[in-house]
């Protein structure tokens, strides 16, 4: 599939993204070692205007589609998958307000985001049921804990969720991160994605007003609203593809510049060894398949979003199948490439200071959050029984 030519606005934004990627690459290795919040990089995103990328033009944004957004996520992930993750999820959270809420709510939030370059963070995670919403006269009072709050630190707005006391209903809301009753903890210390700040948050009688709750139309109200988890999945697909592209680029540089040919080889240079070329051929084939599937899914997603409330369940299911296929291939190709890249670079490439293992660590941590087996089951049910995936809050 050939990508369409960029118009002037998209071309300018692509140049901005390329410049940011070069900037992120300069410190990516050291920041992977340190962990913590990539404050300088987040502020660079604020200053770039790219936090407004998918906000409609009449609200002060660029009005870009998701194919353009995902291309930038992929570009960032080649050098810094943590920043790519929080950047992509910022736009996912903006989209969530439009899918789950009323225009009177989301238009104001998006306009203010464009005006002030707000960065949005995530404390949604409905799989973590430890936060309770107590109804009040003004709305709700949230209390409890929430895990995997990616990008919550250094954010300006937070998407939060809790389960209503008594009914068990899921309550989703948008609140200022600095509001009293919110404590975002600096407790993320995993082997990969070390600067996503995907730790935990605590809520202590956090006051949430009725007009901050995304209840109409809500998360499962229509096939259109049920696109939300597919958008999240496709962000991750492009993080994985970007990671694999970055790993391949680093491996090529090392092989061309530093690798030594094995004594038993008939080649005189490492880049002419037949087995080295075989491995690179396998990497290229897997990565190209992931790219094509990811690009196809992005085109289908944009078309489905444009359908709005006219989107049919079957159409939504077709997008889900495309995203699942891309997810499976991107995960498998990425894990294969990022682990086997050392077979074409050699023992010296394992030097700790290079941190070439970060590509595998980042992809491995991310891919465990959504079991691939369930994507394969969906694809198998379609192949064998012609059944499209049923929408849920998670897939």
Protein backbone atom coordinates (compact mmCIF):
# COMPACT_ATOMS: atom_id res chain seq x y z
CA UNK A 1 0.00 0.00 0.00
CA UNK A 2 1.47 3.34 -1.07
CA UNK A 3 1.04 6.21 1.36
CA UNK A 4 -0.64 9.29 -0.16
CA UNK A 5 1.55 12.36 -0.79
CA UNK A 6 1.73 14.84 2.06
CA UNK A 7 0.08 18.24 1.72
CA UNK A 8 1.92 21.32 2.95
CA UNK A 9 0.57 21.22 6.52
CA UNK A 10 1.31 17.53 6.97
CA UNK A 11 4.75 17.96 5.41
CA UNK A 12 5.59 20.75 7.85
CA UNK A 13 4.42 18.63 10.78
CA UNK A 14 6.47 15.68 9.52
CA UNK A 15 9.56 17.89 9.49
CA UNK A 16 8.85 19.01 13.05
CA UNK A 17 8.46 15.38 14.13
CA UNK A 18 11.71 14.41 12.40
CA UNK A 19 13.53 17.19 14.24
CA UNK A 20 12.10 16.07 17.56
CA UNK A 21 13.10 12.47 16.85
CA UNK A 22 16.68 13.55 16.24
CA UNK A 23 16.61 15.47 19.53
CA UNK A 24 15.17 12.51 21.44
CA UNK A 25 17.80 10.18 19.98
CA UNK A 26 20.65 12.24 21.44
CA UNK A 27 19.75 11.29 25.02
CA UNK A 28 17.67 8.13 24.59
CA UNK A 29 20.35 5.70 25.79
CA UNK A 30 21.15 7.65 28.96
CA UNK A 31 17.47 8.26 29.74
CA UNK A 32 16.77 4.55 29.39
CA UNK A 33 19.37 3.99 32.11
CA UNK A 34 17.98 6.69 34.38
CA UNK A 35 14.25 6.08 34.01
CA UNK A 36 11.95 8.72 35.46
CA UNK A 37 10.04 11.47 33.69
CA UNK A 38 11.31 12.74 30.31
CA UNK A 39 10.45 16.31 31.26
CA UNK A 40 12.60 18.01 28.61
CA UNK A 41 11.15 15.82 25.87
CA UNK A 42 7.57 16.32 27.04
CA UNK A 43 8.10 20.09 27.06
CA UNK A 44 9.55 19.88 23.55
CA UNK A 45 6.33 18.18 22.45
CA UNK A 46 4.33 20.94 24.10
CA UNK A 47 6.33 23.60 22.27
CA UNK A 48 6.12 21.77 18.93
CA UNK A 49 2.37 22.10 18.56
CA UNK A 50 2.05 18.36 17.92
CA UNK A 51 -0.10 17.88 21.01
CA UNK A 52 -2.78 19.66 18.93
CA UNK A 53 -2.32 17.29 15.99
CA UNK A 54 -5.71 15.54 16.02
CA UNK A 55 -7.73 18.42 17.51
CA UNK A 56 -10.19 19.84 14.94
CA UNK A 57 -9.02 22.99 13.15
CA UNK A 58 -12.01 25.01 14.34
CA UNK A 59 -10.88 24.36 17.93
CA UNK A 60 -7.31 25.48 17.30
CA UNK A 61 -5.78 22.15 16.27
CA UNK A 62 -4.35 20.75 13.05
CA UNK A 63 -7.29 18.47 12.25
CA UNK A 64 -5.00 15.57 11.29
CA UNK A 65 -6.23 12.01 10.86
CA UNK A 66 -5.02 8.96 12.69
CA UNK A 67 -2.84 7.72 9.85
CA UNK A 68 -0.71 10.86 10.21
CA UNK A 69 -0.64 10.54 14.00
CA UNK A 70 0.41 6.90 13.88
CA UNK A 71 3.21 7.65 11.40
CA UNK A 72 4.64 10.11 13.93
CA UNK A 73 4.22 7.63 16.80
CA UNK A 74 6.18 5.10 14.72
CA UNK A 75 8.89 7.67 13.97
CA UNK A 76 9.33 8.56 17.63
CA UNK A 77 9.38 4.88 18.64
CA UNK A 78 12.40 4.23 16.44
CA UNK A 79 14.49 6.25 18.89
CA UNK A 80 12.35 6.56 22.04
CA UNK A 81 9.36 4.27 22.51
CA UNK A 82 8.50 5.77 25.90
CA UNK A 83 7.90 9.21 24.42
CA UNK A 84 6.10 7.60 21.47
CA UNK A 85 3.79 5.81 23.89
CA UNK A 86 2.77 8.85 25.96
CA UNK A 87 2.43 11.01 22.83
CA UNK A 88 0.13 8.49 21.17
CA UNK A 89 -1.90 7.99 24.32
CA UNK A 90 -2.31 11.75 24.75
CA UNK A 91 -4.22 11.72 21.47
CA UNK A 92 -6.10 8.56 22.47
CA UNK A 93 -7.36 10.34 25.58
CA UNK A 94 -8.49 13.32 23.52
CA UNK A 95 -10.32 10.93 21.20
CA UNK A 96 -11.92 9.22 24.21
CA UNK A 97 -13.65 12.44 25.22
CA UNK A 98 -15.16 12.71 21.73
CA UNK A 99 -16.25 9.08 21.58
CA UNK A 100 -17.71 8.87 25.11
CA UNK A 101 -18.82 12.43 25.86
CA UNK A 102 -20.97 15.27 24.56
CA UNK A 103 -19.68 18.11 22.32
CA UNK A 104 -20.39 20.61 25.11
CA UNK A 105 -17.76 18.76 27.14
CA UNK A 106 -15.10 17.79 24.66
CA UNK A 107 -15.12 20.95 22.56
CA UNK A 108 -14.15 22.99 25.61
CA UNK A 109 -11.44 20.55 26.69
CA UNK A 110 -9.95 20.29 23.21
CA UNK A 111 -10.02 24.03 22.67
CA UNK A 112 -8.22 24.63 25.97
CA UNK A 113 -5.72 21.86 25.15
CA UNK A 114 -4.88 23.56 21.85
CA UNK A 115 -4.64 26.97 23.48
CA UNK A 116 -2.45 25.94 26.42
CA UNK A 117 -0.69 22.87 24.96
CA UNK A 118 -1.99 20.65 27.71
CA UNK A 119 -0.49 17.17 27.98
CA UNK A 120 -3.05 14.49 28.91
CA UNK A 121 -2.26 11.54 31.18
CA UNK A 122 -3.99 8.22 31.77
CA UNK A 123 -5.47 6.85 35.00
CA UNK A 124 -8.27 4.90 33.36
CA UNK A 125 -7.27 1.20 33.53
CA UNK A 126 -10.71 -0.42 34.10
CA UNK A 127 -9.02 -3.74 34.87
CA UNK A 128 -7.89 -2.22 38.18
CA UNK A 129 -11.07 -2.13 40.28
CA UNK A 130 -9.61 -0.63 43.45
CA UNK A 131 -11.03 2.89 42.93
CA UNK A 132 -14.60 3.49 44.13
CA UNK A 133 -16.93 6.31 43.08
CA UNK A 134 -19.28 7.54 45.81
CA UNK A 135 -22.22 9.56 44.43
CA UNK A 136 -22.54 13.10 45.77
CA UNK A 137 -24.91 15.99 45.13
CA UNK A 138 -22.37 17.55 42.71
CA UNK A 139 -21.19 14.33 41.06
CA UNK A 140 -18.86 11.75 42.59
CA UNK A 141 -16.10 11.35 45.15
CA UNK A 142 -13.32 9.00 43.97
CA UNK A 143 -11.17 7.11 46.48
CA UNK A 144 -8.71 4.27 45.93
CA UNK A 145 -5.70 3.29 43.85
CA UNK A 146 -5.05 2.89 40.14
CA UNK A 147 -2.13 1.14 38.43
CA UNK A 148 -0.48 1.59 35.02
CA UNK A 149 -1.12 5.34 34.87
CA UNK A 150 1.03 6.06 31.82
CA UNK A 151 1.96 9.69 31.34
CA UNK A 152 0.14 10.83 34.50
CA UNK A 153 3.23 12.53 35.93
CA UNK A 154 3.78 15.97 34.35
CA UNK A 155 0.30 15.89 32.82
CA UNK A 156 -2.21 18.74 32.79
CA UNK A 157 -5.40 16.71 32.46
CA UNK A 158 -6.11 13.18 33.61
CA UNK A 159 -8.61 10.61 32.38
CA UNK A 160 -9.73 8.67 35.46
CA UNK A 161 -12.14 5.83 36.19
CA UNK A 162 -13.81 4.26 39.20
CA UNK A 163 -16.65 1.85 39.91
CA UNK A 164 -19.79 3.36 41.40
CA UNK A 165 -20.57 2.16 44.89
CA UNK A 166 -23.65 -0.01 44.90
CA UNK A 167 -24.31 -0.33 41.16
CA UNK A 168 -20.79 -1.27 40.10
CA UNK A 169 -21.15 0.99 37.05
CA UNK A 170 -17.90 2.18 35.47
CA UNK A 171 -17.54 5.95 35.82
CA UNK A 172 -15.05 7.72 33.51
CA UNK A 173 -14.16 11.37 33.97
CA UNK A 174 -11.73 14.13 32.97
CA UNK A 175 -10.12 16.15 35.76
CA UNK A 176 -7.14 18.51 36.24
CA UNK A 177 -4.12 16.51 37.39
CA UNK A 178 -3.32 19.16 40.00
CA UNK A 179 -6.73 18.88 41.71
CA UNK A 180 -6.76 18.16 45.42
CA UNK A 181 -7.30 14.48 46.09
CA UNK A 182 -4.93 13.19 43.37
CA UNK A 183 -1.49 11.83 44.16
CA UNK A 184 0.54 10.50 41.23
CA UNK A 185 3.35 8.28 42.49
CA UNK A 186 6.86 7.96 41.03
CA UNK A 187 6.93 4.18 41.39
CA UNK A 188 7.46 2.94 37.82
CA UNK A 189 10.71 0.93 37.64
CA UNK A 190 10.29 -1.82 35.03
CA UNK A 191 12.83 -3.35 32.68
CA UNK A 192 11.35 -1.56 29.67
CA UNK A 193 9.39 1.56 28.70
CA UNK A 194 11.32 3.17 31.50
CA UNK A 195 10.13 6.73 30.88
CA UNK A 196 6.39 6.24 30.42
CA UNK A 197 5.76 6.87 34.13
CA UNK A 198 3.30 3.97 34.06
CA UNK A 199 3.21 3.68 37.82
CA UNK A 200 0.29 4.23 40.14
CA UNK A 201 -2.01 6.97 41.39
CA UNK A 202 -3.99 7.39 44.58
CA UNK A 203 -7.31 9.17 44.96
CA UNK A 204 -8.46 10.50 48.31
CA UNK A 205 -12.01 11.87 48.12
CA UNK A 206 -11.33 13.36 44.69
CA UNK A 207 -14.31 15.53 43.78
CA UNK A 208 -15.62 14.93 40.27
CA UNK A 209 -18.42 17.11 38.90
CA UNK A 210 -21.31 15.76 36.83
CA UNK A 211 -20.16 17.67 33.74
CA UNK A 212 -16.69 16.04 33.98
CA UNK A 213 -18.15 12.53 33.63
CA UNK A 214 -18.16 10.89 30.18
CA UNK A 215 -21.53 9.18 30.44
CA UNK A 216 -23.32 10.22 27.25
CA UNK A 217 -23.03 8.34 24.93
CA UNK A 218 -20.53 6.34 27.00
CA UNK A 219 -18.01 3.61 26.12
CA UNK A 220 -20.21 0.80 24.69
CA UNK A 221 -23.04 2.85 23.25
CA UNK A 222 -22.36 2.29 19.53
CA UNK A 223 -19.88 0.70 17.09
CA UNK A 224 -18.40 4.19 16.75
CA UNK A 225 -17.69 4.50 20.49
CA UNK A 226 -16.28 0.95 20.43
CA UNK A 227 -13.48 2.08 18.13
CA UNK A 228 -11.65 3.40 21.19
CA UNK A 229 -9.85 0.15 22.16
CA UNK A 230 -8.87 -0.38 18.51
CA UNK A 231 -7.25 3.05 18.50
CA UNK A 232 -5.25 2.08 21.59
CA UNK A 233 -4.20 -1.20 19.99
CA UNK A 234 -3.08 0.52 16.82
CA UNK A 235 -0.94 2.99 18.75
CA UNK A 236 0.87 0.01 20.25
CA UNK A 237 1.22 -1.64 16.83
CA UNK A 238 3.08 1.41 15.61
CA UNK A 239 5.21 1.57 18.75
CA UNK A 240 6.23 -2.03 18.03
CA UNK A 241 6.96 -1.33 14.37
CA UNK A 242 8.99 1.73 15.30
CA UNK A 243 10.96 -0.26 17.86
CA UNK A 244 11.74 -2.92 15.26
CA UNK A 245 12.79 -0.27 12.73
CA UNK A 246 15.05 1.35 15.30
CA UNK A 247 16.60 -1.97 16.23
CA UNK A 248 17.21 -2.85 12.58
CA UNK A 249 18.86 0.51 11.96
CA UNK A 250 21.16 0.09 14.99
CA UNK A 251 22.01 -3.48 13.99
CA UNK A 252 22.87 -2.42 10.44
CA UNK A 253 25.15 0.33 11.66
CA UNK A 254 26.95 -2.04 14.02
CA UNK A 255 27.35 -4.78 11.40
CA UNK A 256 28.69 -2.36 8.80
CA UNK A 257 31.03 -0.52 11.14
CA UNK A 258 32.17 -2.93 13.85
CA UNK A 259 31.22 -6.57 13.31
CA UNK A 260 33.96 -9.03 12.45
CA UNK A 261 33.54 -11.86 9.99
CA UNK A 262 33.56 -15.34 11.53
CA UNK A 263 36.80 -17.22 10.73
CA UNK A 264 34.96 -20.12 9.07
CA UNK A 265 33.14 -17.83 6.68
CA UNK A 266 34.21 -17.64 3.05
CA UNK A 267 33.37 -13.92 3.09
CA UNK A 268 36.00 -11.32 3.84
CA UNK A 269 33.58 -8.82 5.42
CA UNK A 270 30.75 -9.28 7.92
CA UNK A 271 28.26 -7.60 5.62
CA UNK A 272 28.88 -10.25 2.94
CA UNK A 273 28.56 -13.32 5.14
CA UNK A 274 25.72 -15.48 3.72
CA UNK A 275 24.20 -16.27 7.11
CA UNK A 276 24.29 -12.64 8.16
CA UNK A 277 22.49 -11.72 4.95
CA UNK A 278 19.96 -14.50 5.57
CA UNK A 279 19.10 -13.12 9.00
CA UNK A 280 18.77 -9.58 7.68
CA UNK A 281 16.49 -10.90 4.96
CA UNK A 282 14.25 -12.50 7.57
CA UNK A 283 14.18 -9.27 9.56
CA UNK A 284 13.27 -7.25 6.49
CA UNK A 285 10.46 -9.60 5.42
CA UNK A 286 8.85 -9.63 8.86
CA UNK A 287 9.14 -5.89 9.31
CA UNK A 288 7.73 -5.11 5.88
CA UNK A 289 4.71 -7.32 6.56
CA UNK A 290 4.10 -5.49 9.85
CA UNK A 291 4.37 -2.10 8.13
CA UNK A 292 1.88 -2.98 5.42
CA UNK A 293 -0.64 -4.39 7.87
CA UNK A 294 -0.23 -1.43 10.21
CA UNK A 295 -0.72 1.07 7.39
CA UNK A 296 -3.79 -0.78 6.12
CA UNK A 297 -5.34 -0.80 9.59
CA UNK A 298 -4.72 2.94 9.95
CA UNK A 299 -6.52 3.68 6.68
CA UNK A 300 -9.48 1.55 7.76
CA UNK A 301 -9.58 3.24 11.17
CA UNK A 302 -9.71 6.73 9.64
CA UNK A 303 -12.51 5.61 7.33
CA UNK A 304 -14.45 4.13 10.26
CA UNK A 305 -14.04 7.30 12.32
CA UNK A 306 -15.34 9.35 9.41
CA UNK A 307 -18.52 7.22 9.38
CA UNK A 308 -19.39 8.43 12.87
CA UNK A 309 -22.64 7.06 14.28
CA UNK A 310 -23.44 5.52 10.88
CA UNK A 311 -20.69 2.95 11.42
CA UNK A 312 -22.19 -0.56 11.33
CA UNK A 313 -21.14 -3.39 13.68
CA UNK A 314 -19.76 -5.40 10.75
CA UNK A 315 -17.63 -2.44 9.65
CA UNK A 316 -16.29 -2.01 13.16
CA UNK A 317 -15.52 -5.73 13.21
CA UNK A 318 -13.52 -5.45 10.00
CA UNK A 319 -11.35 -2.75 11.56
CA UNK A 320 -10.88 -4.97 14.61
CA UNK A 321 -9.69 -7.84 12.41
CA UNK A 322 -7.23 -5.58 10.59
CA UNK A 323 -5.86 -4.26 13.88
CA UNK A 324 -5.57 -7.78 15.32
CA UNK A 325 -3.65 -8.99 12.26
CA UNK A 326 -1.28 -6.03 12.48
CA UNK A 327 -0.84 -6.57 16.23
CA UNK A 328 0.08 -10.23 15.85
CA UNK A 329 2.57 -9.70 13.04
CA UNK A 330 4.14 -6.55 14.56
CA UNK A 331 4.59 -8.25 17.94
CA UNK A 332 6.11 -11.43 16.55
CA UNK A 333 8.32 -9.71 13.99
CA UNK A 334 9.42 -7.13 16.55
CA UNK A 335 10.29 -9.61 19.28
CA UNK A 336 12.14 -11.79 16.77
CA UNK A 337 14.17 -8.91 15.38
CA UNK A 338 14.98 -7.22 18.69
CA UNK A 339 16.20 -10.47 20.27
CA UNK A 340 18.01 -11.93 17.24
CA UNK A 341 19.71 -8.69 16.22
CA UNK A 342 22.67 -9.80 18.34
CA UNK A 343 23.20 -12.78 16.02
CA UNK A 344 24.21 -10.34 13.28
CA UNK A 345 26.12 -7.91 15.49
CA UNK A 346 28.13 -10.23 17.72
CA UNK A 347 29.24 -10.35 21.32
CA UNK A 348 30.62 -6.80 21.40
CA UNK A 349 27.14 -5.45 20.71
CA UNK A 350 26.09 -6.65 24.18
CA UNK A 351 28.27 -3.96 25.81
CA UNK A 352 26.07 -2.51 28.56
CA UNK A 353 26.76 1.09 27.61
CA UNK A 354 25.15 0.63 24.18
CA UNK A 355 21.90 -0.61 25.73
CA UNK A 356 20.90 -2.24 22.47
CA UNK A 357 18.79 -4.60 24.54
CA UNK A 358 16.41 -1.69 25.22
CA UNK A 359 14.52 -2.40 22.00
CA UNK A 360 13.65 -5.92 23.15
CA UNK A 361 12.99 -4.82 26.75
CA UNK A 362 10.63 -2.08 25.63
CA UNK A 363 8.70 -4.32 23.25
CA UNK A 364 8.55 -7.23 25.68
CA UNK A 365 7.12 -5.10 28.51
CA UNK A 366 4.54 -3.52 26.25
CA UNK A 367 3.39 -6.70 24.53
CA UNK A 368 2.58 -8.42 27.83
CA UNK A 369 -0.21 -5.96 28.59
CA UNK A 370 -2.48 -7.49 25.96
CA UNK A 371 -2.14 -11.27 25.47
CA UNK A 372 -1.56 -12.13 21.82
CA UNK A 373 -3.42 -15.41 22.24
CA UNK A 374 -6.75 -13.58 22.41
CA UNK A 375 -6.05 -11.70 19.19
CA UNK A 376 -5.24 -14.99 17.51
CA UNK A 377 -8.47 -16.52 18.85
CA UNK A 378 -10.44 -13.64 17.29
CA UNK A 379 -8.68 -14.13 13.97
CA UNK A 380 -9.26 -17.88 14.13
CA UNK A 381 -12.95 -17.42 14.85
CA UNK A 382 -13.18 -15.19 11.78
CA UNK A 383 -11.21 -17.57 9.55
CA UNK A 384 -13.15 -20.66 10.61
CA UNK A 385 -16.62 -19.38 11.49
CA UNK A 386 -16.87 -15.97 9.82
CA UNK A 387 -17.45 -14.30 13.21
CA UNK A 388 -16.22 -10.75 13.63
CA UNK A 389 -14.85 -9.76 17.07
CA UNK A 390 -17.41 -8.61 19.61
CA UNK A 391 -16.64 -5.15 20.99
CA UNK A 392 -15.72 -4.69 24.63
CA UNK A 393 -13.99 -2.02 26.65
CA UNK A 394 -10.69 -3.88 26.22
CA UNK A 395 -10.60 -4.95 22.56
